[in-house]
Protein backbone atom coordinates (compact mmCIF):
# COMPACT_ATOMS: atom_id res chain seq x y z
CA UNK A 1 -35.37 -107.12 37.75
CA UNK A 2 -33.73 -107.81 41.09
CA UNK A 3 -30.13 -106.66 41.53
CA UNK A 4 -27.48 -109.10 42.72
CA UNK A 5 -26.42 -109.09 46.35
CA UNK A 6 -23.12 -107.30 46.97
CA UNK A 7 -20.05 -109.44 47.40
CA UNK A 8 -18.78 -110.00 50.97
CA UNK A 9 -16.59 -107.15 52.14
CA UNK A 10 -18.14 -104.68 49.70
CA UNK A 11 -21.04 -102.27 49.67
CA UNK A 12 -23.07 -101.06 46.70
CA UNK A 13 -23.04 -97.34 45.92
CA UNK A 14 -24.35 -95.28 42.98
CA UNK A 15 -21.77 -95.36 40.20
CA UNK A 16 -19.84 -92.17 39.53
CA UNK A 17 -20.85 -90.28 36.39
CA UNK A 18 -19.61 -87.13 34.63
CA UNK A 19 -23.00 -86.28 33.09
CA UNK A 20 -24.26 -83.90 35.82
CA UNK A 21 -21.15 -81.74 35.36
CA UNK A 22 -21.53 -81.79 31.57
CA UNK A 23 -25.21 -80.85 31.98
CA UNK A 24 -24.28 -77.86 34.18
CA UNK A 25 -21.67 -76.69 31.65
CA UNK A 26 -24.24 -76.96 28.87
CA UNK A 27 -26.76 -74.87 30.77
CA UNK A 28 -24.13 -72.24 31.57
CA UNK A 29 -23.03 -71.99 27.93
CA UNK A 30 -26.63 -71.80 26.71
CA UNK A 31 -27.26 -68.87 29.06
CA UNK A 32 -23.94 -67.17 28.25
CA UNK A 33 -24.80 -67.23 24.56
CA UNK A 34 -27.69 -64.85 25.19
CA UNK A 35 -25.24 -62.02 25.89
CA UNK A 36 -22.27 -63.15 23.75
CA UNK A 37 -22.84 -65.16 20.56
CA UNK A 38 -25.55 -67.52 19.35
CA UNK A 39 -22.93 -70.17 18.59
CA UNK A 40 -22.17 -70.43 22.30
CA UNK A 41 -25.83 -71.22 22.99
CA UNK A 42 -25.82 -73.86 20.23
CA UNK A 43 -22.80 -75.60 21.78
CA UNK A 44 -24.43 -75.40 25.21
CA UNK A 45 -27.67 -76.87 23.85
CA UNK A 46 -25.80 -79.81 22.28
CA UNK A 47 -23.96 -80.49 25.54
CA UNK A 48 -27.22 -80.22 27.49
CA UNK A 49 -29.07 -82.74 25.32
CA UNK A 50 -26.09 -85.13 25.23
CA UNK A 51 -25.66 -85.00 29.00
CA UNK A 52 -29.39 -85.48 29.61
CA UNK A 53 -29.49 -88.59 27.40
CA UNK A 54 -26.32 -90.01 28.97
CA UNK A 55 -27.56 -89.36 32.49
CA UNK A 56 -30.97 -90.95 31.84
CA UNK A 57 -29.31 -94.05 30.37
CA UNK A 58 -27.41 -94.55 33.62
CA UNK A 59 -30.53 -94.52 35.81
CA UNK A 60 -33.19 -96.00 33.51
CA UNK A 61 -34.51 -98.62 33.47
CA UNK A 62 -32.23 -99.52 36.42
CA UNK A 63 -29.77 -97.39 38.32
CA UNK A 64 -26.14 -98.33 37.77
CA UNK A 65 -24.17 -99.25 40.88
CA UNK A 66 -20.60 -100.18 41.67
CA UNK A 67 -19.17 -102.30 44.48
CA UNK A 68 -16.86 -100.49 46.88
CA UNK A 69 -14.51 -102.45 49.13
CA UNK A 70 -14.85 -101.83 52.86
CA UNK A 71 -11.72 -100.88 54.78
CA UNK A 72 -12.93 -102.77 57.83
CA UNK A 73 -15.93 -104.99 58.56
CA UNK A 74 -19.01 -103.08 59.75
CA UNK A 75 -19.42 -102.97 63.53
CA UNK A 76 -22.20 -104.92 65.11
CA UNK A 77 -25.18 -102.76 66.00
CA UNK A 78 -26.26 -103.41 69.58
CA UNK A 79 -30.02 -103.13 70.12
CA UNK A 80 -31.08 -100.27 72.38
CA UNK A 81 -33.19 -101.07 75.43
CA UNK A 82 -35.04 -97.76 75.08
CA UNK A 83 -38.46 -97.77 73.48
CA UNK A 84 -39.38 -95.49 70.61
CA UNK A 85 -41.49 -92.56 71.69
CA UNK A 86 -44.29 -92.24 69.17
CA UNK A 87 -46.02 -88.98 68.38
CA UNK A 88 -49.79 -88.88 68.64
CA UNK A 89 -51.71 -87.39 65.74
CA UNK A 90 -52.79 -83.82 66.49
CA UNK A 91 -50.38 -83.37 69.38
CA UNK A 92 -49.60 -79.70 70.09
CA UNK A 93 -45.83 -80.22 69.65
CA UNK A 94 -45.49 -82.41 66.58
CA UNK A 95 -42.43 -82.43 64.36
CA UNK A 96 -41.59 -78.90 63.28
CA UNK A 97 -40.31 -77.44 60.05
CA UNK A 98 -37.52 -74.92 60.47
CA UNK A 99 -37.52 -72.09 61.23
CA UNK A 100 -39.85 -72.51 64.20
CA UNK A 101 -39.82 -68.75 64.79
CA UNK A 102 -39.55 -65.92 62.26
CA UNK A 103 -39.22 -62.15 62.31
CA UNK A 104 -42.36 -60.10 61.57
CA UNK A 105 -42.61 -58.15 58.33
CA UNK A 106 -42.23 -54.93 60.30
CA UNK A 107 -38.71 -56.02 61.32
CA UNK A 108 -37.69 -56.27 57.66
CA UNK A 109 -39.22 -52.89 56.87
CA UNK A 110 -37.45 -51.22 59.82
CA UNK A 111 -34.17 -52.94 58.93
CA UNK A 112 -34.45 -51.83 55.30
CA UNK A 113 -35.15 -48.21 56.28
CA UNK A 114 -32.31 -48.09 58.84
CA UNK A 115 -29.86 -49.78 56.47
CA UNK A 116 -30.89 -47.48 53.64
CA UNK A 117 -30.24 -44.40 55.78
CA UNK A 118 -26.79 -45.68 56.78
CA UNK A 119 -25.95 -46.53 53.18
CA UNK A 120 -27.14 -43.15 51.90
CA UNK A 121 -25.12 -41.28 54.54
CA UNK A 122 -21.94 -43.13 53.58
CA UNK A 123 -22.63 -42.58 49.86
CA UNK A 124 -23.13 -38.83 50.34
CA UNK A 125 -19.94 -38.69 52.47
CA UNK A 126 -18.08 -40.40 49.61
CA UNK A 127 -19.33 -37.80 47.13
CA UNK A 128 -18.24 -34.91 49.34
CA UNK A 129 -14.79 -36.36 50.12
CA UNK A 130 -13.82 -37.74 46.69
CA UNK A 131 -15.70 -35.43 44.33
CA UNK A 132 -16.42 -32.29 46.37
CA UNK A 133 -20.12 -32.62 45.61
CA UNK A 134 -23.17 -33.63 47.60
CA UNK A 135 -24.94 -34.76 44.43
CA UNK A 136 -22.30 -36.85 42.65
CA UNK A 137 -23.15 -40.23 44.21
CA UNK A 138 -26.88 -39.49 44.07
CA UNK A 139 -26.72 -38.77 40.34
CA UNK A 140 -24.51 -41.83 39.83
CA UNK A 141 -27.15 -44.05 41.43
CA UNK A 142 -29.85 -42.42 39.31
CA UNK A 143 -27.74 -43.18 36.24
CA UNK A 144 -28.72 -46.84 36.65
CA UNK A 145 -32.18 -45.87 35.37
CA UNK A 146 -31.36 -42.88 33.17
CA UNK A 147 -29.47 -43.04 29.88
CA UNK A 148 -28.88 -39.26 30.03
CA UNK A 149 -27.20 -39.39 33.44
CA UNK A 150 -25.32 -42.53 32.50
CA UNK A 151 -23.58 -40.61 29.70
CA UNK A 152 -23.24 -37.35 31.66
CA UNK A 153 -19.84 -35.76 32.29
CA UNK A 154 -18.31 -35.66 35.79
CA UNK A 155 -19.16 -31.96 35.99
CA UNK A 156 -22.83 -32.70 35.25
CA UNK A 157 -22.87 -35.42 37.92
CA UNK A 158 -21.60 -32.95 40.50
CA UNK A 159 -24.46 -30.54 39.79
CA UNK A 160 -27.93 -30.76 41.33
CA UNK A 161 -30.52 -32.59 39.21
CA UNK A 162 -34.15 -32.85 40.26
CA UNK A 163 -34.62 -35.85 37.96
CA UNK A 164 -31.56 -37.53 39.45
CA UNK A 165 -32.71 -36.87 43.03
CA UNK A 166 -36.21 -38.28 42.47
CA UNK A 167 -34.95 -41.29 40.51
CA UNK A 168 -32.24 -42.07 43.08
CA UNK A 169 -34.76 -41.85 45.95
CA UNK A 170 -37.14 -44.25 44.19
CA UNK A 171 -34.37 -46.76 43.34
CA UNK A 172 -32.76 -46.59 46.77
CA UNK A 173 -36.01 -46.80 48.75
CA UNK A 174 -37.35 -49.69 46.69
CA UNK A 175 -34.17 -51.75 46.90
CA UNK A 176 -33.72 -51.01 50.61
CA UNK A 177 -37.24 -52.16 51.49
CA UNK A 178 -37.00 -55.29 49.32
CA UNK A 179 -33.62 -56.31 50.76
CA UNK A 180 -34.84 -55.55 54.29
CA UNK A 181 -37.86 -57.80 53.81
CA UNK A 182 -35.56 -60.49 52.38
CA UNK A 183 -33.31 -60.23 55.45
CA UNK A 184 -36.29 -60.58 57.76
CA UNK A 185 -37.40 -63.73 55.91
CA UNK A 186 -34.10 -65.60 55.54
CA UNK A 187 -31.95 -64.55 58.51
CA UNK A 188 -33.79 -66.84 60.99
CA UNK A 189 -32.76 -69.82 58.83
CA UNK A 190 -29.01 -69.27 59.27
CA UNK A 191 -26.80 -70.04 62.27
CA UNK A 192 -24.67 -67.52 64.15
CA UNK A 193 -25.56 -63.86 64.49
CA UNK A 194 -27.74 -62.37 61.72
CA UNK A 195 -25.38 -59.39 61.39
CA UNK A 196 -22.65 -61.76 60.11
CA UNK A 197 -24.81 -62.98 57.23
CA UNK A 198 -26.50 -59.66 56.55
CA UNK A 199 -23.43 -57.47 57.05
CA UNK A 200 -20.60 -59.53 55.53
CA UNK A 201 -21.68 -62.56 53.51
CA UNK A 202 -24.68 -61.11 51.65
CA UNK A 203 -22.99 -57.79 50.69
CA UNK A 204 -19.96 -59.62 49.29
CA UNK A 205 -22.14 -61.98 47.26
CA UNK A 206 -24.30 -59.10 46.03
CA UNK A 207 -21.22 -57.06 45.07
CA UNK A 208 -19.72 -60.01 43.18
CA UNK A 209 -22.95 -60.48 41.23
CA UNK A 210 -23.14 -56.79 40.30
CA UNK A 211 -19.44 -56.64 39.36
CA UNK A 212 -19.85 -59.65 37.06
CA UNK A 213 -22.90 -58.34 35.22
CA UNK A 214 -22.77 -54.53 35.29
CA UNK A 215 -20.15 -54.36 32.55
CA UNK A 216 -22.65 -56.04 30.21
CA UNK A 217 -25.82 -54.30 31.41
CA UNK A 218 -24.44 -50.76 31.72
CA UNK A 219 -20.76 -50.36 30.68
CA UNK A 220 -20.80 -46.58 31.17
CA UNK A 221 -21.97 -46.90 34.78
CA UNK A 222 -19.54 -49.77 35.41
CA UNK A 223 -16.61 -47.53 34.40
CA UNK A 224 -17.56 -44.89 37.02
CA UNK A 225 -18.26 -47.01 40.09
CA UNK A 226 -15.58 -46.88 42.77
CA UNK A 227 -15.75 -50.43 44.07
CA UNK A 228 -14.09 -50.00 47.51
CA UNK A 229 -16.72 -47.38 48.43
CA UNK A 230 -19.46 -49.49 46.89
CA UNK A 231 -18.47 -52.52 49.01
CA UNK A 232 -18.23 -50.33 52.13
CA UNK A 233 -21.75 -48.96 51.55
CA UNK A 234 -23.13 -52.48 51.05
CA UNK A 235 -21.52 -53.66 54.29
CA UNK A 236 -22.88 -50.59 56.13
CA UNK A 237 -26.38 -51.38 54.91
CA UNK A 238 -26.07 -55.06 55.82
CA UNK A 239 -24.69 -54.46 59.31
CA UNK A 240 -27.32 -51.90 60.26
CA UNK A 241 -30.21 -53.81 58.69
CA UNK A 242 -29.05 -57.11 60.20
CA UNK A 243 -28.72 -55.61 63.67
CA UNK A 244 -32.15 -53.98 63.51
CA UNK A 245 -33.76 -57.21 62.34
CA UNK A 246 -31.90 -59.28 64.95
CA UNK A 247 -33.04 -57.01 67.79
CA UNK A 248 -36.70 -57.50 66.85
CA UNK A 249 -38.81 -60.00 68.76
CA UNK A 250 -39.46 -63.23 66.89
CA UNK A 251 -42.91 -64.67 66.44
CA UNK A 252 -43.79 -68.36 66.37
CA UNK A 253 -44.99 -69.85 63.13
CA UNK A 254 -48.42 -71.48 62.85
CA UNK A 255 -47.09 -74.99 62.28
CA UNK A 256 -47.83 -76.03 65.89
CA UNK A 257 -51.34 -74.61 65.85
CA UNK A 258 -54.33 -76.93 65.26
CA UNK A 259 -55.72 -77.15 61.74
CA UNK A 260 -58.90 -75.27 62.70
CA UNK A 261 -56.86 -72.34 64.05
CA UNK A 262 -54.56 -72.24 61.00
CA UNK A 263 -57.58 -72.29 58.70
CA UNK A 264 -59.33 -69.53 60.66
CA UNK A 265 -62.33 -71.73 61.57
CA UNK A 266 -64.46 -71.20 64.65
CA UNK A 267 -65.08 -74.27 66.80
CA UNK A 268 -67.62 -74.97 69.51
CA UNK A 269 -66.86 -76.75 72.77
CA UNK A 270 -69.80 -79.05 73.62
CA UNK A 271 -68.42 -80.29 76.88
């Protein structure tokens, strides 16, 4: 079925529809019901199915359009005298996928270690200043993986605990290395200086996610976290890790290399 030509002075555009928003609300309610009440998931499922049916009816079998009036007639497009430069197949500089250069894995590992050290130093300083104990913040971090420490009294958190020390080291080292590797992978894709994204934007987003979910996952730990110090430690990690990653030399990706080189094949020159 061929659509009608738009009227003069108008242009066809996809018709506005509320169904994508209703679909998103349905998905959010269906997920929220997993931690609240099953009735919430039922309502979300009904909204999801209704929105999916309504959305499909607007695009199948033909997409619905509406005519929009133009404020002024379109300008005439003057032909360019320049010829199109065509790319030859197999050329060494064909169209590239971004990022053209990336940081090596070692940069992410170094950034994660350096950021973890800075974060740990600030956390220990917080424990000494606010709670007169070197072990308070360490045990509080370990409480994320220990029900016993999560329910411990403030006096018990100030005391040395071998279990708390080992558990905190494992949690902190693992998260620091994973986040450092993530920084090394994604920072080349963003504009501006990597320290801005790694030291300000990412810590604030990460803190917001934890603040929104920790009260459900671990209410006892959520009641003990001092959020200003937590945000400061996240920013310290991000700034140090971002700077270390940014100072590392980038390496070019293999997208410009010939297929034989990317596949690891050996070739013979018969000339």
